[in-house]
Amino acid sequence: MRSVGLNLVIGAGITAFFVVLAFVSMVWTPYDITVLSVADRLQPPSGAHWLGTDHFGRDIVSMLMVGAQTSIAVALIAVGVGVLVGVPLGLFAA
């Protein structure tokens, strides 16, 4: 039982991290994700690019930050649809 509590804490911590990351990305990202920089393509992690760059020269950290917004929005919509459909069906079945 102890590992269940630990897993819950770890999962909540990871979720909170990405929620904070998504909120921060609304006002700041290290680099613009729409700008391609072929000269900086496939760079390893460094002080300038914390997780490196992709094959188009885009910063990986910036893309993760903006992608967190999309992932959280999709998750909230999916849960909302599930609640709006599932709760009435469950009440009707009971």
Protein backbone atom coordinates (compact mmCIF):
# COMPACT_ATOMS: atom_id res chain seq x y z
CA MET A 1 0.00 0.00 0.00
CA ARG A 2 2.86 2.34 0.64
CA SER A 3 3.95 2.29 -3.03
CA VAL A 4 0.44 3.36 -4.10
CA GLY A 5 0.78 6.57 -2.07
CA LEU A 6 4.26 7.17 -3.43
CA ASN A 7 3.05 6.66 -7.00
CA LEU A 8 0.21 9.10 -6.38
CA VAL A 9 2.63 11.74 -5.10
CA ILE A 10 5.01 11.22 -8.00
CA GLY A 11 2.16 11.35 -10.54
CA ALA A 12 0.72 14.49 -8.97
CA GLY A 13 4.16 16.11 -9.01
CA ILE A 14 4.72 15.34 -12.69
CA THR A 15 1.22 16.60 -13.56
CA ALA A 16 1.74 19.79 -11.56
CA PHE A 17 5.08 20.36 -13.29
CA PHE A 18 3.52 20.17 -16.75
CA VAL A 19 0.56 22.37 -15.74
CA VAL A 20 2.98 25.03 -14.47
CA LEU A 21 5.05 24.60 -17.64
CA ALA A 22 1.94 25.16 -19.77
CA PHE A 23 0.99 28.31 -17.86
CA VAL A 24 4.54 29.70 -18.09
CA SER A 25 4.61 29.04 -21.84
CA MET A 26 1.62 31.35 -22.30
CA VAL A 27 3.84 34.32 -21.42
CA TRP A 28 7.39 33.08 -22.08
CA THR A 29 9.26 30.46 -24.07
CA PRO A 30 13.02 30.44 -24.57
CA TYR A 31 12.70 30.44 -28.38
CA ASP A 32 9.95 30.94 -30.94
CA ILE A 33 8.83 27.48 -32.10
CA THR A 34 7.76 28.73 -35.54
CA VAL A 35 11.23 29.96 -36.50
CA LEU A 36 13.42 27.42 -38.29
CA SER A 37 17.17 27.65 -37.81
CA VAL A 38 18.85 25.11 -40.06
CA ALA A 39 22.26 26.24 -38.83
CA ASP A 40 21.30 25.08 -35.30
CA ARG A 41 19.81 21.72 -36.31
CA LEU A 42 20.43 18.61 -34.21
CA GLN A 43 22.40 20.45 -31.54
CA PRO A 44 23.07 18.49 -28.34
CA PRO A 45 21.86 19.82 -24.98
CA SER A 46 23.71 22.96 -23.95
CA GLY A 47 23.27 26.17 -22.02
CA ALA A 48 21.51 27.77 -24.99
CA HIS A 49 19.27 24.78 -25.79
CA TRP A 50 18.61 22.80 -22.59
CA LEU A 51 17.35 19.68 -24.41
CA GLY A 52 18.98 20.41 -27.76
CA THR A 53 17.31 21.11 -31.09
CA ASP A 54 15.39 19.03 -33.62
CA HIS A 55 16.17 18.44 -37.31
CA PHE A 56 14.73 21.87 -38.19
CA GLY A 57 16.75 23.72 -35.55
CA ARG A 58 13.77 24.35 -33.24
CA ASP A 59 14.37 24.33 -29.49
CA ILE A 60 13.01 21.15 -27.84
CA VAL A 61 12.22 22.84 -24.49
CA SER A 62 10.13 25.51 -26.21
CA MET A 63 8.23 22.86 -28.15
CA LEU A 64 7.57 20.86 -24.95
CA MET A 65 6.27 23.97 -23.22
CA VAL A 66 3.83 24.83 -26.00
CA GLY A 67 2.88 21.17 -26.49
CA ALA A 68 1.90 20.94 -22.81
CA GLN A 69 -0.85 23.50 -23.47
CA THR A 70 -2.32 21.37 -26.24
CA SER A 71 -2.10 18.16 -24.23
CA ILE A 72 -3.82 19.66 -21.20
CA ALA A 73 -6.56 21.21 -23.36
CA VAL A 74 -7.26 17.86 -25.06
CA ALA A 75 -7.32 16.06 -21.71
CA LEU A 76 -9.77 18.56 -20.20
CA ILE A 77 -12.07 18.37 -23.22
CA ALA A 78 -12.01 14.56 -23.16
CA VAL A 79 -12.85 14.45 -19.44
CA GLY A 80 -15.57 17.06 -19.94
CA VAL A 81 -17.20 15.08 -22.74
CA GLY A 82 -16.93 11.91 -20.67
CA VAL A 83 -18.62 13.59 -17.71
CA LEU A 84 -21.34 15.23 -19.83
CA VAL A 85 -22.18 11.93 -21.53
CA GLY A 86 -21.27 9.38 -18.86
CA VAL A 87 -23.00 10.91 -15.84
CA PRO A 88 -26.45 11.21 -17.49
CA LEU A 89 -26.14 7.69 -18.92
CA GLY A 90 -25.14 6.34 -15.53
CA LEU A 91 -28.01 8.11 -13.82
CA PHE A 92 -30.44 6.82 -16.44
CA ALA A 93 -29.12 3.26 -16.05
CA ALA A 94 -29.50 3.38 -12.26
